[in-house]
N, C-alpha and C. Protein backbone atom coordinates (compact mmCIF):
# COMPACT_ATOMS: atom_id res chain seq x y z
N MET A 1 -52.42 -24.97 -5.68
CA MET A 1 -53.09 -26.17 -6.16
C MET A 1 -54.57 -26.16 -5.80
N ASN A 2 -54.92 -25.33 -4.83
CA ASN A 2 -56.33 -25.18 -4.48
C ASN A 2 -56.99 -24.01 -5.20
N SER A 3 -56.21 -23.00 -5.56
CA SER A 3 -56.81 -21.80 -6.13
C SER A 3 -56.75 -21.72 -7.66
N SER A 4 -55.85 -22.44 -8.28
CA SER A 4 -55.71 -22.37 -9.74
C SER A 4 -56.69 -23.34 -10.41
N ILE A 5 -57.59 -22.75 -11.19
CA ILE A 5 -58.56 -23.57 -11.94
C ILE A 5 -57.83 -24.43 -12.97
N LEU A 6 -56.79 -23.88 -13.58
CA LEU A 6 -56.02 -24.62 -14.58
C LEU A 6 -55.36 -25.86 -13.98
N ILE A 7 -54.66 -25.66 -12.85
CA ILE A 7 -54.01 -26.80 -12.19
C ILE A 7 -55.06 -27.82 -11.77
N LYS A 8 -56.11 -27.35 -11.18
CA LYS A 8 -57.16 -28.25 -10.69
C LYS A 8 -57.73 -29.09 -11.82
N SER A 9 -58.06 -28.48 -12.93
CA SER A 9 -58.64 -29.24 -14.04
C SER A 9 -57.65 -30.23 -14.62
N LYS A 10 -56.38 -29.85 -14.72
CA LYS A 10 -55.36 -30.78 -15.24
C LYS A 10 -55.13 -31.95 -14.29
N LEU A 11 -55.12 -31.67 -12.99
CA LEU A 11 -54.93 -32.76 -12.02
C LEU A 11 -56.10 -33.73 -12.04
N ILE A 12 -57.30 -33.22 -12.12
CA ILE A 12 -58.48 -34.09 -12.18
C ILE A 12 -58.45 -34.91 -13.46
N LYS A 13 -58.09 -34.29 -14.57
CA LYS A 13 -58.01 -35.02 -15.85
C LYS A 13 -56.97 -36.13 -15.77
N GLU A 14 -55.83 -35.83 -15.17
CA GLU A 14 -54.73 -36.80 -15.13
C GLU A 14 -54.91 -37.86 -14.05
N PHE A 15 -55.37 -37.47 -12.86
CA PHE A 15 -55.37 -38.38 -11.71
C PHE A 15 -56.78 -38.77 -11.24
N GLY A 16 -57.80 -38.15 -11.80
CA GLY A 16 -59.17 -38.51 -11.44
C GLY A 16 -59.81 -37.55 -10.47
N LYS A 17 -61.13 -37.69 -10.34
CA LYS A 17 -61.91 -36.75 -9.51
C LYS A 17 -61.56 -36.83 -8.04
N ASN A 18 -60.96 -37.94 -7.59
CA ASN A 18 -60.56 -38.06 -6.19
C ASN A 18 -59.37 -37.18 -5.83
N SER A 19 -58.81 -36.49 -6.83
CA SER A 19 -57.71 -35.56 -6.58
C SER A 19 -58.14 -34.40 -5.68
N TYR A 20 -59.45 -34.14 -5.67
CA TYR A 20 -60.00 -33.07 -4.83
C TYR A 20 -61.19 -33.60 -4.05
N GLU A 21 -61.27 -33.20 -2.79
CA GLU A 21 -62.41 -33.52 -1.93
C GLU A 21 -62.95 -32.20 -1.39
N ASN A 22 -64.23 -31.97 -1.56
CA ASN A 22 -64.84 -30.71 -1.09
C ASN A 22 -64.09 -29.50 -1.61
N ASN A 23 -63.68 -29.57 -2.87
CA ASN A 23 -62.99 -28.47 -3.55
C ASN A 23 -61.59 -28.19 -3.00
N THR A 24 -61.04 -29.14 -2.25
CA THR A 24 -59.71 -29.00 -1.67
C THR A 24 -58.83 -30.15 -2.15
N LEU A 25 -57.57 -29.83 -2.43
CA LEU A 25 -56.63 -30.84 -2.89
C LEU A 25 -56.57 -32.01 -1.92
N ASN A 26 -56.68 -33.21 -2.44
CA ASN A 26 -56.59 -34.43 -1.64
C ASN A 26 -55.13 -34.89 -1.67
N LYS A 27 -54.34 -34.31 -0.77
CA LYS A 27 -52.89 -34.56 -0.75
C LYS A 27 -52.57 -36.04 -0.55
N THR A 28 -53.31 -36.69 0.32
CA THR A 28 -53.04 -38.11 0.61
C THR A 28 -53.25 -38.95 -0.64
N PHE A 29 -54.33 -38.72 -1.34
CA PHE A 29 -54.65 -39.47 -2.56
C PHE A 29 -53.53 -39.29 -3.59
N LEU A 30 -53.16 -38.03 -3.84
CA LEU A 30 -52.11 -37.77 -4.84
C LEU A 30 -50.76 -38.31 -4.40
N ALA A 31 -50.43 -38.13 -3.14
CA ALA A 31 -49.14 -38.62 -2.64
C ALA A 31 -49.02 -40.13 -2.80
N ASP A 32 -50.12 -40.84 -2.53
CA ASP A 32 -50.09 -42.30 -2.67
C ASP A 32 -49.81 -42.72 -4.11
N ILE A 33 -50.20 -41.90 -5.05
CA ILE A 33 -49.95 -42.21 -6.46
C ILE A 33 -48.55 -41.81 -6.88
N VAL A 34 -48.21 -40.53 -6.69
CA VAL A 34 -47.01 -39.98 -7.31
C VAL A 34 -45.71 -40.37 -6.63
N PHE A 35 -45.74 -40.63 -5.32
CA PHE A 35 -44.49 -40.94 -4.66
C PHE A 35 -44.15 -42.43 -4.74
N LYS A 36 -44.97 -43.18 -5.45
CA LYS A 36 -44.67 -44.58 -5.73
C LYS A 36 -44.37 -44.80 -7.21
N ASP A 37 -44.53 -43.77 -8.02
CA ASP A 37 -44.39 -43.89 -9.47
C ASP A 37 -43.72 -42.62 -10.01
N LYS A 38 -42.44 -42.74 -10.38
CA LYS A 38 -41.67 -41.57 -10.81
C LYS A 38 -42.28 -40.89 -12.03
N GLU A 39 -42.88 -41.65 -12.93
CA GLU A 39 -43.51 -41.05 -14.10
C GLU A 39 -44.71 -40.20 -13.72
N LYS A 40 -45.51 -40.68 -12.77
CA LYS A 40 -46.66 -39.91 -12.30
C LYS A 40 -46.20 -38.65 -11.57
N LEU A 41 -45.08 -38.75 -10.84
CA LEU A 41 -44.53 -37.58 -10.16
C LEU A 41 -44.07 -36.54 -11.18
N LYS A 42 -43.45 -36.99 -12.27
CA LYS A 42 -43.04 -36.06 -13.33
C LYS A 42 -44.24 -35.35 -13.93
N ILE A 43 -45.33 -36.10 -14.12
CA ILE A 43 -46.55 -35.50 -14.67
C ILE A 43 -47.09 -34.44 -13.71
N LEU A 44 -47.17 -34.79 -12.43
CA LEU A 44 -47.65 -33.84 -11.42
C LEU A 44 -46.79 -32.58 -11.43
N ASN A 45 -45.48 -32.76 -11.41
CA ASN A 45 -44.58 -31.60 -11.40
C ASN A 45 -44.72 -30.76 -12.67
N SER A 46 -44.94 -31.41 -13.81
CA SER A 46 -45.09 -30.67 -15.07
C SER A 46 -46.39 -29.87 -15.10
N ILE A 47 -47.36 -30.28 -14.33
CA ILE A 47 -48.62 -29.54 -14.23
C ILE A 47 -48.48 -28.38 -13.24
N VAL A 48 -47.91 -28.66 -12.09
CA VAL A 48 -47.91 -27.70 -10.99
C VAL A 48 -46.80 -26.65 -11.10
N HIS A 49 -45.58 -27.07 -11.35
CA HIS A 49 -44.45 -26.15 -11.20
C HIS A 49 -44.38 -25.01 -12.21
N PRO A 50 -44.79 -25.20 -13.46
CA PRO A 50 -44.81 -24.02 -14.34
C PRO A 50 -45.76 -22.92 -13.84
N GLU A 51 -46.89 -23.32 -13.30
CA GLU A 51 -47.85 -22.35 -12.76
C GLU A 51 -47.31 -21.69 -11.48
N VAL A 52 -46.66 -22.49 -10.64
CA VAL A 52 -46.08 -21.95 -9.41
C VAL A 52 -44.99 -20.94 -9.77
N LEU A 53 -44.16 -21.28 -10.73
CA LEU A 53 -43.10 -20.36 -11.15
C LEU A 53 -43.68 -19.07 -11.71
N LEU A 54 -44.71 -19.17 -12.51
CA LEU A 54 -45.34 -17.98 -13.06
C LEU A 54 -45.90 -17.10 -11.94
N HIS A 55 -46.55 -17.73 -10.99
CA HIS A 55 -47.09 -17.00 -9.83
C HIS A 55 -45.95 -16.32 -9.06
N PHE A 56 -44.85 -17.04 -8.87
CA PHE A 56 -43.72 -16.47 -8.15
C PHE A 56 -43.14 -15.27 -8.91
N GLN A 57 -43.00 -15.39 -10.21
CA GLN A 57 -42.45 -14.28 -10.99
C GLN A 57 -43.34 -13.04 -10.90
N GLU A 58 -44.65 -13.24 -10.91
CA GLU A 58 -45.57 -12.12 -10.73
C GLU A 58 -45.42 -11.51 -9.34
N PHE A 59 -45.25 -12.37 -8.34
CA PHE A 59 -45.05 -11.90 -6.97
C PHE A 59 -43.78 -11.07 -6.85
N VAL A 60 -42.71 -11.52 -7.50
CA VAL A 60 -41.45 -10.78 -7.47
C VAL A 60 -41.64 -9.39 -8.08
N LEU A 61 -42.31 -9.32 -9.20
CA LEU A 61 -42.54 -8.02 -9.86
C LEU A 61 -43.32 -7.06 -8.97
N LYS A 62 -44.23 -7.59 -8.18
CA LYS A 62 -45.03 -6.76 -7.28
C LYS A 62 -44.25 -6.34 -6.04
N ASN A 63 -43.11 -6.97 -5.80
CA ASN A 63 -42.36 -6.72 -4.57
C ASN A 63 -40.92 -6.27 -4.83
N THR A 64 -40.73 -5.56 -5.91
CA THR A 64 -39.37 -5.11 -6.25
C THR A 64 -38.82 -4.10 -5.26
N ASN A 65 -39.68 -3.51 -4.45
CA ASN A 65 -39.22 -2.54 -3.45
C ASN A 65 -38.73 -3.20 -2.16
N LYS A 66 -38.80 -4.49 -2.06
CA LYS A 66 -38.38 -5.21 -0.85
C LYS A 66 -36.88 -5.50 -0.90
N ASN A 67 -36.28 -5.71 0.27
CA ASN A 67 -34.86 -6.06 0.33
C ASN A 67 -34.58 -7.40 -0.35
N TYR A 68 -35.48 -8.32 -0.17
CA TYR A 68 -35.39 -9.63 -0.83
C TYR A 68 -36.73 -10.32 -0.77
N VAL A 69 -36.86 -11.33 -1.61
CA VAL A 69 -38.08 -12.14 -1.65
C VAL A 69 -37.66 -13.58 -1.46
N LEU A 70 -38.36 -14.28 -0.58
CA LEU A 70 -38.08 -15.69 -0.35
C LEU A 70 -39.00 -16.55 -1.19
N TYR A 71 -38.45 -17.62 -1.74
CA TYR A 71 -39.21 -18.56 -2.57
C TYR A 71 -39.03 -19.94 -1.98
N GLU A 72 -40.02 -20.42 -1.26
CA GLU A 72 -39.95 -21.75 -0.63
C GLU A 72 -40.36 -22.78 -1.67
N ASN A 73 -39.48 -23.76 -1.88
CA ASN A 73 -39.74 -24.77 -2.90
C ASN A 73 -38.96 -26.02 -2.51
N ALA A 74 -39.67 -27.09 -2.19
CA ALA A 74 -39.02 -28.32 -1.72
C ALA A 74 -38.11 -28.94 -2.77
N ILE A 75 -38.40 -28.69 -4.05
CA ILE A 75 -37.58 -29.27 -5.11
C ILE A 75 -37.00 -28.16 -6.00
N LEU A 76 -36.56 -27.10 -5.36
CA LEU A 76 -36.02 -25.93 -6.06
C LEU A 76 -34.90 -26.32 -7.03
N LEU A 77 -33.96 -27.10 -6.56
CA LEU A 77 -32.82 -27.49 -7.40
C LEU A 77 -33.21 -28.54 -8.43
N GLU A 78 -34.05 -29.48 -8.02
CA GLU A 78 -34.45 -30.55 -8.92
C GLU A 78 -35.19 -30.02 -10.15
N ASN A 79 -36.02 -29.00 -9.95
CA ASN A 79 -36.79 -28.47 -11.09
C ASN A 79 -36.16 -27.21 -11.70
N LYS A 80 -34.93 -26.95 -11.29
CA LYS A 80 -34.13 -25.85 -11.83
C LYS A 80 -34.72 -24.45 -11.57
N SER A 81 -35.58 -24.34 -10.58
CA SER A 81 -36.09 -23.02 -10.20
C SER A 81 -35.01 -22.18 -9.56
N ASN A 82 -33.94 -22.81 -9.12
CA ASN A 82 -32.82 -22.07 -8.55
C ASN A 82 -32.22 -21.09 -9.55
N LEU A 83 -32.45 -21.31 -10.82
CA LEU A 83 -31.92 -20.41 -11.84
C LEU A 83 -32.55 -19.02 -11.75
N PHE A 84 -33.66 -18.90 -11.04
CA PHE A 84 -34.34 -17.62 -10.86
C PHE A 84 -33.99 -16.97 -9.52
N CYS A 85 -33.02 -17.56 -8.82
CA CYS A 85 -32.68 -17.09 -7.48
C CYS A 85 -31.25 -16.56 -7.44
N ASP A 86 -31.05 -15.53 -6.62
CA ASP A 86 -29.71 -14.99 -6.43
C ASP A 86 -28.93 -15.80 -5.40
N PHE A 87 -29.64 -16.30 -4.39
CA PHE A 87 -29.03 -17.08 -3.33
C PHE A 87 -29.92 -18.27 -3.00
N ILE A 88 -29.29 -19.35 -2.62
CA ILE A 88 -30.02 -20.57 -2.23
C ILE A 88 -29.78 -20.80 -0.75
N ILE A 89 -30.87 -20.94 0.00
CA ILE A 89 -30.81 -21.28 1.42
C ILE A 89 -31.48 -22.63 1.58
N THR A 90 -30.73 -23.58 2.10
CA THR A 90 -31.29 -24.91 2.35
C THR A 90 -31.48 -25.07 3.85
N VAL A 91 -32.65 -25.56 4.22
CA VAL A 91 -32.96 -25.81 5.62
C VAL A 91 -32.89 -27.32 5.85
N THR A 92 -32.08 -27.72 6.82
CA THR A 92 -31.88 -29.14 7.10
C THR A 92 -32.32 -29.48 8.52
N ALA A 93 -32.52 -30.75 8.71
CA ALA A 93 -32.80 -31.30 10.05
C ALA A 93 -32.55 -32.79 9.94
N PRO A 94 -32.30 -33.46 11.05
CA PRO A 94 -32.11 -34.91 11.00
C PRO A 94 -33.34 -35.59 10.39
N LEU A 95 -33.11 -36.68 9.70
CA LEU A 95 -34.18 -37.40 9.00
C LEU A 95 -35.35 -37.71 9.92
N ASP A 96 -35.09 -38.24 11.10
CA ASP A 96 -36.17 -38.58 12.03
C ASP A 96 -37.01 -37.36 12.39
N THR A 97 -36.35 -36.24 12.57
CA THR A 97 -37.05 -35.00 12.90
C THR A 97 -37.94 -34.57 11.74
N ARG A 98 -37.40 -34.61 10.53
CA ARG A 98 -38.18 -34.22 9.35
C ARG A 98 -39.40 -35.13 9.19
N VAL A 99 -39.18 -36.42 9.36
CA VAL A 99 -40.29 -37.38 9.20
C VAL A 99 -41.38 -37.09 10.23
N GLN A 100 -40.99 -36.91 11.49
CA GLN A 100 -41.97 -36.65 12.54
C GLN A 100 -42.73 -35.35 12.30
N ARG A 101 -42.05 -34.33 11.83
CA ARG A 101 -42.71 -33.05 11.57
C ARG A 101 -43.76 -33.18 10.46
N VAL A 102 -43.43 -33.91 9.41
CA VAL A 102 -44.39 -34.08 8.31
C VAL A 102 -45.56 -34.93 8.76
N ILE A 103 -45.29 -35.96 9.53
CA ILE A 103 -46.38 -36.81 10.06
C ILE A 103 -47.35 -35.95 10.86
N LEU A 104 -46.83 -35.10 11.72
CA LEU A 104 -47.69 -34.22 12.53
C LEU A 104 -48.40 -33.18 11.68
N ARG A 105 -47.70 -32.60 10.72
CA ARG A 105 -48.28 -31.55 9.90
C ARG A 105 -49.38 -32.07 8.97
N ASP A 106 -49.11 -33.21 8.31
CA ASP A 106 -50.01 -33.71 7.27
C ASP A 106 -50.84 -34.91 7.69
N ASN A 107 -50.62 -35.38 8.93
CA ASN A 107 -51.29 -36.60 9.37
C ASN A 107 -50.95 -37.76 8.43
N SER A 108 -49.68 -37.82 8.02
CA SER A 108 -49.20 -38.83 7.09
C SER A 108 -48.67 -40.04 7.84
N THR A 109 -48.37 -41.07 7.09
CA THR A 109 -47.70 -42.23 7.67
C THR A 109 -46.20 -42.09 7.45
N LYS A 110 -45.43 -42.79 8.24
CA LYS A 110 -43.97 -42.75 8.08
C LYS A 110 -43.58 -43.23 6.69
N THR A 111 -44.23 -44.27 6.21
CA THR A 111 -43.92 -44.82 4.89
C THR A 111 -44.17 -43.78 3.80
N SER A 112 -45.28 -43.07 3.87
CA SER A 112 -45.58 -42.08 2.83
C SER A 112 -44.59 -40.92 2.87
N VAL A 113 -44.18 -40.53 4.07
CA VAL A 113 -43.20 -39.44 4.18
C VAL A 113 -41.85 -39.89 3.61
N LEU A 114 -41.44 -41.10 3.93
CA LEU A 114 -40.16 -41.61 3.40
C LEU A 114 -40.22 -41.75 1.88
N ASN A 115 -41.36 -42.15 1.34
CA ASN A 115 -41.52 -42.22 -0.12
C ASN A 115 -41.32 -40.84 -0.74
N ARG A 116 -41.86 -39.83 -0.10
CA ARG A 116 -41.73 -38.46 -0.58
C ARG A 116 -40.26 -38.03 -0.55
N ILE A 117 -39.60 -38.30 0.56
CA ILE A 117 -38.19 -37.90 0.72
C ILE A 117 -37.31 -38.62 -0.30
N ARG A 118 -37.59 -39.87 -0.57
CA ARG A 118 -36.79 -40.64 -1.55
C ARG A 118 -36.87 -40.06 -2.95
N ASN A 119 -37.90 -39.28 -3.22
CA ASN A 119 -38.07 -38.68 -4.54
C ASN A 119 -37.47 -37.29 -4.63
N GLN A 120 -36.78 -36.87 -3.58
CA GLN A 120 -36.10 -35.58 -3.59
C GLN A 120 -34.59 -35.81 -3.54
N TRP A 121 -33.85 -34.79 -3.91
CA TRP A 121 -32.40 -34.88 -3.80
C TRP A 121 -32.02 -35.03 -2.33
N SER A 122 -30.87 -35.60 -2.09
CA SER A 122 -30.37 -35.75 -0.73
C SER A 122 -30.03 -34.37 -0.16
N GLU A 123 -30.05 -34.27 1.15
CA GLU A 123 -29.69 -33.00 1.79
C GLU A 123 -28.25 -32.62 1.43
N GLU A 124 -27.38 -33.62 1.36
CA GLU A 124 -25.98 -33.34 1.02
C GLU A 124 -25.87 -32.70 -0.36
N LYS A 125 -26.57 -33.25 -1.33
CA LYS A 125 -26.54 -32.70 -2.69
C LYS A 125 -27.09 -31.28 -2.72
N LYS A 126 -28.12 -31.02 -1.93
CA LYS A 126 -28.69 -29.67 -1.88
C LYS A 126 -27.76 -28.69 -1.18
N THR A 127 -27.19 -29.10 -0.06
CA THR A 127 -26.35 -28.17 0.71
C THR A 127 -25.08 -27.79 -0.04
N ILE A 128 -24.56 -28.70 -0.84
CA ILE A 128 -23.36 -28.40 -1.63
C ILE A 128 -23.64 -27.25 -2.60
N GLN A 129 -24.86 -27.17 -3.09
CA GLN A 129 -25.22 -26.16 -4.08
C GLN A 129 -25.85 -24.90 -3.45
N SER A 130 -25.82 -24.82 -2.15
CA SER A 130 -26.46 -23.71 -1.44
C SER A 130 -25.46 -22.67 -0.99
N HIS A 131 -25.93 -21.44 -0.91
CA HIS A 131 -25.11 -20.35 -0.39
C HIS A 131 -25.13 -20.34 1.14
N TYR A 132 -26.28 -20.72 1.69
CA TYR A 132 -26.45 -20.75 3.14
C TYR A 132 -27.20 -22.03 3.53
N VAL A 133 -26.88 -22.54 4.71
CA VAL A 133 -27.56 -23.73 5.22
C VAL A 133 -28.02 -23.43 6.64
N ILE A 134 -29.28 -23.71 6.89
CA ILE A 134 -29.85 -23.53 8.22
C ILE A 134 -30.14 -24.91 8.79
N ASN A 135 -29.56 -25.17 9.96
CA ASN A 135 -29.87 -26.42 10.66
C ASN A 135 -31.06 -26.16 11.56
N ASN A 136 -32.19 -26.76 11.20
CA ASN A 136 -33.45 -26.49 11.88
C ASN A 136 -33.76 -27.58 12.92
N SER A 137 -32.82 -27.81 13.81
CA SER A 137 -33.03 -28.81 14.86
C SER A 137 -33.70 -28.23 16.09
N SER A 138 -33.37 -26.96 16.39
CA SER A 138 -34.02 -26.31 17.53
C SER A 138 -34.45 -24.91 17.12
N LEU A 139 -35.57 -24.48 17.63
CA LEU A 139 -36.13 -23.18 17.25
C LEU A 139 -35.19 -22.03 17.58
N GLU A 140 -34.58 -22.06 18.76
CA GLU A 140 -33.68 -20.95 19.14
C GLU A 140 -32.48 -20.85 18.21
N LYS A 141 -31.85 -21.98 17.90
CA LYS A 141 -30.69 -21.95 17.00
C LYS A 141 -31.11 -21.55 15.58
N THR A 142 -32.29 -21.99 15.18
CA THR A 142 -32.78 -21.63 13.85
C THR A 142 -32.99 -20.12 13.76
N LYS A 143 -33.58 -19.52 14.79
CA LYS A 143 -33.80 -18.07 14.79
C LYS A 143 -32.48 -17.31 14.65
N ILE A 144 -31.45 -17.76 15.35
CA ILE A 144 -30.14 -17.12 15.28
C ILE A 144 -29.58 -17.19 13.86
N GLN A 145 -29.69 -18.37 13.24
CA GLN A 145 -29.19 -18.55 11.88
C GLN A 145 -29.97 -17.71 10.87
N VAL A 146 -31.28 -17.67 11.02
CA VAL A 146 -32.12 -16.87 10.12
C VAL A 146 -31.76 -15.40 10.25
N ASN A 147 -31.61 -14.91 11.47
CA ASN A 147 -31.23 -13.50 11.68
C ASN A 147 -29.87 -13.19 11.08
N ARG A 148 -28.94 -14.11 11.22
CA ARG A 148 -27.60 -13.90 10.64
C ARG A 148 -27.69 -13.76 9.13
N ILE A 149 -28.44 -14.65 8.48
CA ILE A 149 -28.58 -14.59 7.03
C ILE A 149 -29.33 -13.33 6.61
N HIS A 150 -30.37 -12.99 7.34
CA HIS A 150 -31.11 -11.75 7.06
C HIS A 150 -30.16 -10.55 7.12
N ASN A 151 -29.33 -10.50 8.14
CA ASN A 151 -28.39 -9.38 8.27
C ASN A 151 -27.39 -9.34 7.12
N ILE A 152 -26.97 -10.48 6.67
CA ILE A 152 -26.05 -10.53 5.52
C ILE A 152 -26.76 -10.03 4.27
N LEU A 153 -27.96 -10.53 4.03
CA LEU A 153 -28.69 -10.16 2.81
C LEU A 153 -29.11 -8.69 2.79
N THR A 154 -29.29 -8.13 3.97
CA THR A 154 -29.66 -6.71 4.05
C THR A 154 -28.44 -5.86 4.41
N LYS A 155 -27.29 -6.50 4.54
CA LYS A 155 -26.02 -5.83 4.83
C LYS A 155 -26.06 -5.06 6.16
N LYS A 156 -26.73 -5.63 7.12
CA LYS A 156 -26.79 -5.03 8.46
C LYS A 156 -25.74 -5.68 9.34
N GLN A 157 -25.20 -4.93 10.25
CA GLN A 157 -24.25 -5.47 11.22
C GLN A 157 -25.04 -6.16 12.34
N GLN A 158 -24.48 -7.24 12.81
CA GLN A 158 -25.15 -7.97 13.90
C GLN A 158 -24.88 -7.33 15.23
């Protein structure tokens, strides 16, 4: 969203010049708009996700020699990007933990984080459709789960 001239111009056209500050995406400004208005969120997703998918497909072609390629996408199932994946890994954590992490990462408010979460599928709906689920409550347990999945995907014995 910061490097694509196409995305940048479309976002500015749709949401105004405040979409970017100092040539950098103004996440707070956009979040305040789109996570309160489902139609605006659809517009944002229709601008961003086709370009992200194209970039990902190019990345996959450049990395065909790898054991696997990971595609991080918060709304993978919602936007049907899962159709381009062989396996789905969902990372979960308790709601309070997720909220606190986003607040710290983005300097967001609790309300804005909850608005964002309300616009995504529930963790239950995502995990039902996943091949693997990682509970990201503690770093040590997460590392163990990630290594286990890595070993499965690369067919290595633990």
